[in-house]
C-alpha atoms as a PDB file:
ATOM      1  CA  MET A   1      -0.131  -0.224   0.071  1.00  0.00           C
ATOM      2  CA  LYS A   2       1.105   3.654  -0.993  1.00  0.00           C
ATOM      3  CA  TYR A   3       0.440   5.452   2.271  1.00  0.00           C
ATOM      4  CA  TYR A   4       1.148   4.037   5.606  1.00  0.00           C
ATOM      5  CA  ARG A   5      -0.084   6.636   8.513  1.00  0.00           C
ATOM      6  CA  LYS A   6       1.313   6.666  11.898  1.00  0.00           C
ATOM      7  CA  THR A   7       0.254   7.220  15.427  1.00  0.00           C
ATOM      8  CA  SER A   8       2.872   7.214  18.366  1.00  0.00           C
ATOM      9  CA  HIS A   9       2.371   3.645  18.740  1.00  0.00           C
ATOM     10  CA  ALA A  10       0.854   2.061  15.390  1.00  0.00           C
ATOM     11  CA  ILE A  11       1.643   2.218  11.782  1.00  0.00           C
ATOM     12  CA  TYR A  12      -1.560   1.415   9.961  1.00  0.00           C
ATOM     13  CA  ASP A  13      -3.263   1.650   6.566  1.00  0.00           C
ATOM     14  CA  ILE A  14      -7.103   1.103   7.015  1.00  0.00           C
ATOM     15  CA  LYS A  15      -9.289   2.429   4.654  1.00  0.00           C
ATOM     16  CA  TYR A  16     -13.190   2.317   4.549  1.00  0.00           C
ATOM     17  CA  HIS A  17     -15.779   2.827   1.722  1.00  0.00           C
ATOM     18  CA  LEU A  18     -18.634   4.883   3.571  1.00  0.00           C
ATOM     19  CA  CYS A  19     -22.141   5.340   2.265  1.00  0.00           C
ATOM     20  CA  TRP A  20     -25.509   6.581   3.615  1.00  0.00           C
ATOM     21  CA  LEU A  21     -28.706   7.880   2.466  1.00  0.00           C
ATOM     22  CA  THR A  22     -31.089  11.086   3.270  1.00  0.00           C
ATOM     23  CA  LYS A  23     -34.486   9.861   4.894  1.00  0.00           C
ATOM     24  CA  TYR A  24     -37.257   8.394   2.308  1.00  0.00           C
ATOM     25  CA  ARG A  25     -34.252   9.162  -0.520  1.00  0.00           C
ATOM     26  CA  TYR A  26     -35.341  12.981  -0.564  1.00  0.00           C
ATOM     27  CA  GLN A  27     -33.182  14.754  -3.153  1.00  0.00           C
ATOM     28  CA  VAL A  28     -32.218  17.704  -0.773  1.00  0.00           C
ATOM     29  CA  MET A  29     -28.561  17.534  -0.901  1.00  0.00           C
ATOM     30  CA  ARG A  30     -28.021  20.360  -3.496  1.00  0.00           C
ATOM     31  CA  GLY A  31     -26.595  24.055  -3.576  1.00  0.00           C
ATOM     32  CA  ASP A  32     -25.766  25.443  -0.320  1.00  0.00           C
ATOM     33  CA  ILE A  33     -27.195  22.319   1.725  1.00  0.00           C
ATOM     34  CA  ALA A  34     -24.591  20.038  -0.317  1.00  0.00           C
ATOM     35  CA  ASN A  35     -21.586  22.627   0.091  1.00  0.00           C
ATOM     36  CA  ARG A  36     -22.392  22.926   4.057  1.00  0.00           C
ATOM     37  CA  THR A  37     -22.656  19.305   4.300  1.00  0.00           C
ATOM     38  CA  ARG A  38     -19.268  19.153   2.532  1.00  0.00           C
ATOM     39  CA  GLU A  39     -17.576  21.724   4.919  1.00  0.00           C
ATOM     40  CA  ILE A  40     -19.165  19.771   8.012  1.00  0.00           C
ATOM     41  CA  LEU A  41     -17.993  16.455   6.922  1.00  0.00           C
ATOM     42  CA  LYS A  42     -14.229  17.911   6.496  1.00  0.00           C
ATOM     43  CA  GLN A  43     -14.542  19.454   9.955  1.00  0.00           C
ATOM     44  CA  ILE A  44     -15.598  16.253  11.519  1.00  0.00           C
ATOM     45  CA  CYS A  45     -13.055  14.022   9.566  1.00  0.00           C
ATOM     46  CA  THR A  46     -10.119  16.677  10.716  1.00  0.00           C
ATOM     47  CA  GLN A  47     -11.188  16.604  14.269  1.00  0.00           C
ATOM     48  CA  PHE A  48     -11.093  12.492  14.414  1.00  0.00           C
ATOM     49  CA  ASP A  49      -8.084  12.691  12.230  1.00  0.00           C
ATOM     50  CA  ILE A  50      -9.681  10.726   9.215  1.00  0.00           C
ATOM     51  CA  LYS A  51      -8.495  11.636   5.891  1.00  0.00           C
ATOM     52  CA  ILE A  52     -11.254  11.692   3.274  1.00  0.00           C
ATOM     53  CA  ILE A  53      -9.246  10.256   0.129  1.00  0.00           C
ATOM     54  CA  GLN A  54     -12.335  10.702  -2.160  1.00  0.00           C
ATOM     55  CA  GLY A  55     -15.855  11.679  -1.615  1.00  0.00           C
ATOM     56  CA  SER A  56     -19.015  12.443  -3.405  1.00  0.00           C
ATOM     57  CA  ILE A  57     -22.229  14.290  -2.387  1.00  0.00           C
ATOM     58  CA  GLY A  58     -25.132  12.774  -4.373  1.00  0.00           C
ATOM     59  CA  SER A  59     -28.803  14.537  -4.211  1.00  0.00           C
ATOM     60  CA  ASP A  60     -29.898  11.749  -2.019  1.00  0.00           C
ATOM     61  CA  HIS A  61     -26.733   9.973  -0.566  1.00  0.00           C
ATOM     62  CA  ILE A  62     -23.219  10.508   0.463  1.00  0.00           C
ATOM     63  CA  HIS A  63     -20.030   8.383  -0.463  1.00  0.00           C
ATOM     64  CA  LEU A  64     -16.651   8.697   1.491  1.00  0.00           C
ATOM     65  CA  PHE A  65     -13.984   6.710   0.972  1.00  0.00           C
ATOM     66  CA  THR A  66     -11.692   7.363   4.065  1.00  0.00           C
ATOM     67  CA  SER A  67      -8.430   6.400   5.885  1.00  0.00           C
ATOM     68  CA  VAL A  68      -9.396   5.932   9.491  1.00  0.00           C
ATOM     69  CA  PRO A  69      -7.053   5.408  12.596  1.00  0.00           C
ATOM     70  CA  PRO A  70      -7.073   2.193  14.467  1.00  0.00           C
ATOM     71  CA  ASN A  71      -8.786   3.815  17.688  1.00  0.00           C
ATOM     72  CA  HIS A  72     -11.937   4.376  16.070  1.00  0.00           C
ATOM     73  CA  SER A  73     -14.959   1.977  15.219  1.00  0.00           C
ATOM     74  CA  VAL A  74     -16.816   2.357  11.967  1.00  0.00           C
ATOM     75  CA  SER A  75     -20.123   2.734  13.965  1.00  0.00           C
ATOM     76  CA  LYS A  76     -18.815   5.433  16.147  1.00  0.00           C
ATOM     77  CA  ILE A  77     -17.506   7.266  12.771  1.00  0.00           C
ATOM     78  CA  ILE A  78     -20.965   6.929  11.006  1.00  0.00           C
ATOM     79  CA  GLN A  79     -22.450   7.917  14.451  1.00  0.00           C
ATOM     80  CA  HIS A  80     -20.626  11.336  14.545  1.00  0.00           C
ATOM     81  CA  LEU A  81     -20.724  11.931  10.700  1.00  0.00           C
ATOM     82  CA  LYS A  82     -24.676  11.616  10.545  1.00  0.00           C
ATOM     83  CA  GLY A  83     -25.614  13.108  13.835  1.00  0.00           C
ATOM     84  CA  VAL A  84     -23.492  16.069  13.661  1.00  0.00           C
ATOM     85  CA  THR A  85     -24.212  16.930   9.811  1.00  0.00           C
ATOM     86  CA  SER A  86     -28.067  16.439  10.367  1.00  0.00           C
ATOM     87  CA  ARG A  87     -28.261  18.562  13.551  1.00  0.00           C
ATOM     88  CA  LYS A  88     -26.205  21.435  12.045  1.00  0.00           C
ATOM     89  CA  LEU A  89     -27.879  21.116   8.761  1.00  0.00           C
ATOM     90  CA  GLN A  90     -31.468  21.428  10.117  1.00  0.00           C
ATOM     91  CA  GLN A  91     -30.460  24.075  12.483  1.00  0.00           C
ATOM     92  CA  GLU A  92     -28.821  26.310   9.564  1.00  0.00           C
ATOM     93  CA  PHE A  93     -31.585  25.330   6.821  1.00  0.00           C
ATOM     94  CA  PRO A  94     -35.033  25.889   8.028  1.00  0.00           C
ATOM     95  CA  GLU A  95     -36.900  23.917   4.955  1.00  0.00           C
ATOM     96  CA  LEU A  96     -34.992  20.683   6.200  1.00  0.00           C
ATOM     97  CA  ARG A  97     -36.687  21.180   9.593  1.00  0.00           C
ATOM     98  CA  LYS A  98     -39.871  21.437   7.698  1.00  0.00           C
ATOM     99  CA  ARG A  99     -39.307  18.369   5.425  1.00  0.00           C
ATOM    100  CA  TYR A 100     -37.754  15.943   8.148  1.00  0.00           C
ATOM    101  CA  TRP A 101     -39.929  17.089  11.082  1.00  0.00           C
ATOM    102  CA  GLY A 102     -38.957  14.050  13.218  1.00  0.00           C
ATOM    103  CA  GLN A 103     -35.324  15.605  13.100  1.00  0.00           C
ATOM    104  CA  HIS A 104     -33.847  12.581  11.435  1.00  0.00           C
ATOM    105  CA  LEU A 105     -32.209  13.879   8.392  1.00  0.00           C
ATOM    106  CA  TRP A 106     -30.548  10.702   7.581  1.00  0.00           C
ATOM    107  CA  ALA A 107     -31.999   7.073   6.896  1.00  0.00           C
ATOM    108  CA  ARG A 108     -31.552   4.745   9.731  1.00  0.00           C
ATOM    109  CA  GLY A 109     -28.633   2.262   8.015  1.00  0.00           C
ATOM    110  CA  TYR A 110     -25.242   2.798   6.181  1.00  0.00           C
ATOM    111  CA  PHE A 111     -22.822   0.778   4.343  1.00  0.00           C
ATOM    112  CA  ALA A 112     -19.291   0.370   4.974  1.00  0.00           C
ATOM    113  CA  VAL A 113     -16.497  -1.884   3.591  1.00  0.00           C
ATOM    114  CA  SER A 114     -13.064  -1.959   3.908  1.00  0.00           C
ATOM    115  CA  SER A 115     -10.617  -1.814   1.230  1.00  0.00           C
ATOM    116  CA  GLY A 116      -9.000  -5.064   0.718  1.00  0.00           C
ATOM    117  CA  ASN A 117     -10.121  -7.513  -2.150  1.00  0.00           C
ATOM    118  CA  VAL A 118     -11.248  -4.484  -4.145  1.00  0.00           C
ATOM    119  CA  THR A 119      -8.320  -1.765  -4.920  1.00  0.00           C
ATOM    120  CA  ASP A 120      -8.305   1.622  -3.669  1.00  0.00           C
ATOM    121  CA  GLU A 121      -8.550   2.500  -7.370  1.00  0.00           C
ATOM    122  CA  MET A 122     -11.321   0.734  -8.096  1.00  0.00           C
ATOM    123  CA  TRP A 123     -13.444   2.513  -4.973  1.00  0.00           C
ATOM    124  CA  MET A 124     -12.062   5.968  -6.270  1.00  0.00           C
ATOM    125  CA  ASP A 125     -13.450   5.046  -9.829  1.00  0.00           C
ATOM    126  CA  TYR A 126     -16.773   3.913  -8.419  1.00  0.00           C
ATOM    127  CA  ILE A 127     -16.911   7.193  -6.516  1.00  0.00           C
ATOM    128  CA  ARG A 128     -15.885   9.512  -9.275  1.00  0.00           C
ATOM    129  CA  ASN A 129     -18.456   7.725 -11.649  1.00  0.00           C
ATOM    130  CA  GLN A 130     -21.526   8.260  -9.322  1.00  0.00           C
ATOM    131  CA  ARG A 131     -21.721  11.828 -11.061  1.00  0.00           C
ATOM    132  CA  GLU A 132     -22.670  10.112 -14.268  1.00  0.00           C
ATOM    133  CA  GLN A 133     -25.140   7.999 -13.054  1.00  0.00           C
ATOM    134  CA  GLU A 134     -27.406  10.685 -11.859  1.00  0.00           C
ATOM    135  CA  LYS A 135     -27.880  14.431 -12.778  1.00  0.00           C
ATOM    136  CA  PRO A 136     -24.547  16.437 -12.197  1.00  0.00           C
ATOM    137  CA  ASN A 137     -24.472  18.096  -8.612  1.00  0.00           C
ATOM    138  CA  ASP A 138     -23.414  21.674  -8.639  1.00  0.00           C
ATOM    139  CA  ILE A 139     -20.791  21.253  -6.151  1.00  0.00           C
ATOM    140  CA  GLY A 140     -19.100  18.086  -7.963  1.00  0.00           C
ATOM    141  CA  ASP A 141     -16.427  15.737  -6.309  1.00  0.00           C
ATOM    142  CA  PHE A 142     -14.209  16.802  -3.349  1.00  0.00           C
ATOM    143  CA  GLN A 143     -10.920  15.160  -2.215  1.00  0.00           C
ATOM    144  CA  ILE A 144      -8.524  16.123   0.469  1.00  0.00           C
ATOM    145  CA  THR A 145      -4.938  14.994  -0.503  1.00  0.00           C
ATOM    146  CA  PRO A 146      -2.354  13.649   2.112  1.00  0.00           C
END
């Protein structure tokens, strides 16, 4: 693997492809909401030392290919990403509060898979090609380079 990361006691290369949906698959991730979602996700990942290798915000779902330190579990990562983005987006965009009156922006589950049998390049191509399968989103793809 190309990029090993270090903590004070570990050298690791743990990568996950994470994906989750908006509740009822409402297509609300557009324009300012999508831009703000991207900013919030970057802030959360920086806070937890998670590197976003490739990401894509669709109109009704989010894909992230991440490098994660060994002290974080996938369920806790998703809990923070979904919880914080939902809370902040609903506070900042009143139209979301009206649509999601139960205060749940995201659908209940999520998809997570570690990078292994499928190469990193295959995941990044898959995420990059998400835009071709649906209407183009005005914010496009984003990534943070190491």
